[in-house]
Each structure stands twice: as structure tokens, then as C-alpha cells.
Amino acid sequence: MDLDCGKLLSSSKDSWKTTLLLAYQSLGVVYGDLGISPLYVYKSTFAEDIHHSETNEEIFGVLSFVFWTLTLVPLFKYVFIVLRADDNGEGGTFALYSLICRHAKVSLLPNHQVSDEALSTYKWENPPEKKNSSNVKKLLEKHKFLHTALLILVLLGTCMVIGDGLLTPVISVFSAVSGLELSMSKDHHQYAVIPITCFILVCLFALQHYGTHRVGFFFAPVVLTWLLCISGLGLYNIIHWNPRVYEALSPYYMVKFLKKTRKSGWMSLGGILLCITGSEAMFADIGHFSYTAIQIAFTFLVYPALILAYMGQAAYLSKHHNSTHKIGFYVSVPECVRWPVLAIAILASVVGSQAIISGTFSIINQSQSLGCFPRVKVIHTSDKIHGQIYIPEINWVLMILCIAVTIGFRDVKHMGNASGLAVMAVMLVTTCLTSLVIVLYWHKPPIVALAFLLFFGSIELLYFSASVIKFREGAWLPILLSLFLMTIMFVWHYATIKKYEYDLHNKVSLDWLLALGPSLGIARVPGIGIVFTNLTSGIPANFSRFVTNLPAFHRVLVFVCLKSVPVPYVPPAERYLVGRVGPTSHRSYRCIVRYGYRDVHQDVDSFETQLVEKLADFIHYDWCDNEKKNDDYDDDDNRSGSSNECRLAVIGMVSVSNFEIEESDLQPASVSSVEMEPVNVGQRRVRFYVDDNESESSTMGVQLQEELRELYAAQEAGTAFILGHTHVKAKQGSSFMKRLALNYGYNFLSRNCRGPDVALKVPPASLLEVGMVYVV
């Protein structure tokens, strides 16, 4: 008994050690952006709309707003509510959308299969649906325009995250470098801050291709040092200048502030909201850490440090009304430590910028996976750390735009207005999506979701309105950028759906494929032909066009569909669905490869090798399965009837040498049968026995060996990748907007983005492209 208690205590200590270590590591990834907000909140708030007076009503009112905003939004909304709405441990806009799509039929993704719902990451056990939640679900599923509206809302949130990825590095680095104004004359300061900021930004983006894993080890110490620094300065200023500043935390000062300042006070909320910049990162990065780790780090370290920092600045400013310098962070820093604080601030701003840039790469990759963004080259910078990616095109575009914004705006006021609107828009989208998750996923009464939406939505709308009113003073930038990106993403997604519908209506029957043979002048050449298609059944039109123009195809033919599933990850053991196309003698197969929106796509070499392995596993399984089912099948023609194209098997990570397995005990890491409709699999023993040195006694054993030999011989002969080179054209009679979107918009994007061969990393020597015109 004592030994058991000792083991429990030991495991409990280990789990707490792991949690605390994750909480420490989360500082560098999650809280860099949020932690550096004291650099620019007061400066942006007092830039123009309100002025610091002798009565201190303005500074105390702003402090009260900052305190309650930090308490209600990051602490109550995110830490205690939104973080619980994770998708298998993943967070962010697409995680919420994924949860909604899996619990209500609102997804606009094509080629959905019933077998996708059997994935272990697809659904979690939840309480049974209540009548009210099922009514909301029916309403969403009934109206098609709500599906489109939901997608537009998600795309809006995605575009604003990208906008935040542009603006956060600018305002963070610029605010940190602005500390130089206290150490040099105004003339020199004007010509120093902008070039230094641009230089730091260029270096930051130039080093992105190395990946954050090389320097990530010092991110957490930098942010921890910064948080301890600002909290220490805050305590010093409170004790030294105004110990009674805590009284300003009362909501009374908020009311007093608005009564005095009226419209100008409302407009100044656009600067106050910057105190919660980076809160969304807590939810977006939850997959890298854990709910408990992020909760501990924010509640016990980040939140107190930020409150002390803002209170300290307010305490200093409450005793300094006629300062020669403008209100800002550095005026409250004692002169003896100003240079070290400046150095730490610049490092912390770089870390905060790095986190949001990595997040931008990640969300663009997710958008691309779900068919909502043009193809870009994604480079995985770390073999050990999942999700560390770099996108060259996006990186250099962001760098150019960051430099342009720095030179164009030249002050914190315009930068803050632009950044604030982007931040608030993302939070509004998260609030709307979370309210749907509360009803559909948590099965709470709609009144609970409505209360959540109204309470937090009203707070965020108040701040959002204060940002929008400053449209001409910087807020136009994220709006313009979002409209541009949303147009691109919506056009790409619309054309992708139309292309899939065209493929679906123009697919070729299986009889046509089986009729191809020497009598029609069609030759089978050595090798494996991999035909990429979006279809999960049928023969794609691009293959029929290929055979028409080149009357030959490979001895082993594989129709491969790379599809996205609305889950963050598909376990490797459940990724491959394999089946036959036609009879065994035809040597044609279908392979559906399923990826989640955060999954890493394989290089073509490893994919080709693994595909052959999965085909070999499937051949073993199929022959042995049919041997048990159909003992009376003696010839291949009889057996062709059992090769139903709708019958696929999940092929997992198994060794196919000398073992036996109970099918009733099959786990995701083995081979299991999947039908397009649910089936009951009875208990039976399946024996896989493969040994090239021993001959099989049965006819099926000989045929099994022959099929495997042909597969490996085809692999030795070489693999060809057959891809469609498409041009989309709106059919006659289409509306002007449709013709504009497809004939010009989509075709321009497809010509100027990465081709499917580059996205799939297909070597040019092995590529066969088939020209196709889609009239949709």
C-alpha cells in the first residue's frame, strides 16, 4: 500500500514538473506579443484624443479601463472559457470552425466520406444533444447561405490574423527603439529610429528560413526577464511616486473618465485595447503546450506583471504633468537603468514579433490545406518539432509591407490604430465561433451561448467601434488588406469547389477503364503510374484524356486522392485508405491519403516508398480476407466480383512478416476494413504469412506472390506522377462576377502561384502533365 502511494506521489510530482516546464516555455512563444504591450498602450492612448491633466482623471480612468479589459478578456474569456474549446488539443480560428463542421453539416469542403467520421480524432464523447441545441443545428444545416456566411466569417478572422502578423512586428520594434528619444536630440532621433527599426525588421525576416528551433531556447528567458523587469519597475514607481494608485482600479474611475472626456474618451479606447494585443495567441498556440500550463503562466506571472507595469506607469504620470517628453513607457524608467531596459525591450519585441510571424505562416498553411489559399511553398525547418514551418513568398511580402508601414506611418498613433482594429476583429470572430461551439459541441442551452456572445461581444464591439472611427488615421490598412486577402481566398475556394463538381460530373466509368487493352491499341508499360485526383471514386477525366492522347499506361496504376479532413491531425496509422479498382488482374488501385489542417505533408520520395508499402499491406490483407470469405473462389474472374471499388481498407503501420492478428482486436495501428457505410465485422482469425523462400500451397498464395512481385518490379522500373494542368473558364451565360472571378481572378492566381507539382514536390523528370480546360 505504501509503495502504491509512493508511486502516485512520484507520478504526480513528475506531471507537475512537466506542467511547470511547459508554462515556462510558453512565455517565449505565447506571451511575447502580450508582454510588450506596456511599451505603447499609454503612448497610443494619449497621442491625440485626450490629454493628461492636473486632476489625473484621465490617467486613472485609462488605468481602470486597462485593468478591467485585461481581467475580462484575456483572463475570463480566454483562460477560463475559450481555451476549453480546443480541437483535440489545438486552438485557433480553424480549430473552432473544424469543431462546428464536425458537429453540424455546414462544411463546404468537397469529397467528404462517411469513413472520415471513423477517425479517432474526428469526434469526442459529449453529453447527448438537447432539443434546443439540435434546433440550432437544424437551422444552420437547413440554410445554405449560413454555410457561406460562416466560411466568410472564418476567412475574415484569418485575414485579420495575417494583418496582425504585419502590424505587430512594426509597432513592437518601433516602440522599443523609440526609447532612444530620451537619449538624443529631436533632430537626431527622427533620423535614427526609422532606419534602426527597418534594419531590425530586415534581420528578423532574413533569419526566418533558419527556423525558430535554433534560437527558440532563449525566447522564454528573454520574456521572463522582461516580465520581471516591468513588474519590478512598476513596483518601484508605485512605492516611490504614488502608493495609492491602486484606488484607480475601481470601475468608478471608468465612469468618471467617460463623463469628463465624452467622445474623445470613447475614441481613446482604440489605444487602450492594445493592452490585450496577443491574447489570441493563448488559444492559437495551445497545441504546443497544454491548457493548464498556459493558465498557470498567465494567471500567476503574466497577468500580475502587466497590471504592476501599468499601475507603475500611472503612478509616475500622476506626479509628472509637465514632462518635456511625450507620455510613454521610457519616461517612467529611472535613468540609471534605461539602457539595459532598452536592450531587453528590443529583444522582447523581436521575440514577440517572431511568435506572430510564425503564427502567420501556420494559419496560411492551414488555409492552404483547406483549399482557401493559393498554393505556396511550405518548408519544414525542424525534423523534431512539429509545426515549425517557413513560407518564403509570404516571408518576403511581409518584410516589404512591414518596412513600407514603418516608413509610411512613422508614429505609434497610426500603427496602434491599425493594429487595434485587426486585434479586435479577430477577437469578435472568436467570440462568434465560440458561441456556436457552446451550443453544438458542449450542448449547452442557447441562452448560455447568447449570454456569452452579448457580454463579451458588446465589450469588443465598443473597442472595435473606437478603432473603426479612426479609419483615415491608420485603421484603413487592415480593412484594405483583409478585403484584398478575402477576395483572393474566396475566389480560390470557389474555383476549387467548381473544379471538384466538374470532375464529379465528368468522371469516367469503371467499365471504360476495364475495356482498355491491346485490342484497342492500348499498351501497358513497366512502372507505377500515380494519378492525382480530387475524386474518392470513379476514374478522373484527366486520365481518360491522358490515355486518349498517349495510348499507354503503366502496369501498376494507382489513383491517389490527397484530401483534407476537418481535424487537426490524422494519426499515421489511419491516414491511408486503400482499395482495388477493377479485378485483381488489372493491377489498379485507389489510395485516399487523409491529412488534417495541421498535418505535415510528406516529401514525394518518402510518400512513394510508403505508398508502395501500403499497397503491399493491402494486397496481403485483401487476399487473406477473401480467402476466408470465399473459399470456393478458384479463379481470378470469380474473385473480381469481390473487388468492390467502394470497399476500402485502412492500412496502418504494421509489419507484414510472419504474424497473425485477431481482427476483433484491431487497433488504429493495424489493418482494418472500412466501408462507405458502417458495417459489423465479425470475429475471425486472419493469418498473414509471407516468405519468398517458401512456396504457397494454395492457388491464392501463388497469385498473392505474383501480385507482390509485379508491384516491386514496377517500383524498380520507376514511378511517373500524372497531374492535371488546368485552366478554368466560366460557361456561356454566366454572370459578370463569375466570369471575372474565374476567367481572370483564378487563372491569374493559378499562373502566378506554385504549381501542384511544386506543392507535392514531384521531381520534373517523373512528371506527366495533362492539359485540362474546366468549363464551369
Foldseek 3Di string as FASTA:
>chain_A
DVVVVVVVVVVVVVVVVQLQVLLLLCLLQQCLLLQLLQLFLVCQLCVPLDAQDLVLLQLLLLLLLLLVLCCVPLPVPPLPALLVQAQVQAFDLLRLVLLLCLLAVLDPFPDDFPVLCVFPSRDDDAPDFDPQLVVVRCVCNVDNVSSVVLVLLSLLLLLLLLLLLLLLLQLQLLSLLLLCPVVDPPVVSLVPSLVVSLVLLVVLLVCLLLFCVVVSVCSSVLSLVLLVVLLVLLVCLCVPFPVPSVVSNDCVSNVVNCVVSPPSNLLSLLSSLSSCPSSSSLRRVSSVGHSSSSSCSCPPGSSSSSSSNSSSLSSNCSRDRPDPDRRGSLVSPDPVCSVVSSVSSNVSSSSSSSSSNLVSLLSQLLLVQSQQAFDFDWAANDPPDASGIDTVVSSVVSSVSSSVCCVVQVDSNLSSLQSSLSRLSSVLSSLVSSLSCCCRPNSDRNVVSVVSNVPVVVVSVSNNVSSVVCCVSNNVVSVVSSVVSSLLRVLRNVVVSLVQVLQVVPFDALVVVVPQDVVVPAEAAFAEEEEEDQHLDGHGPLVVLVCVVPRYYHQAYEYEHEHERSHQARPQLQFWKKAARFFPNSNYIYIYGYGYSRDDADAPVVVVVVVLVQVLQVLLVVLQVCCVVPVPDQDRVVVRVVRDSQKIKRAAQDDQAFDKDWQVPDDSRHIHIDGSDDDDDDTDITGRHDDPVDQDPGPSSVVSVVSSVSSVRNVVVHYAYEYEDEQEAEAPPDDPVSRCSRNPVNRVSQVPHDHPCSSNNPDPVRYDYGYDYHHD
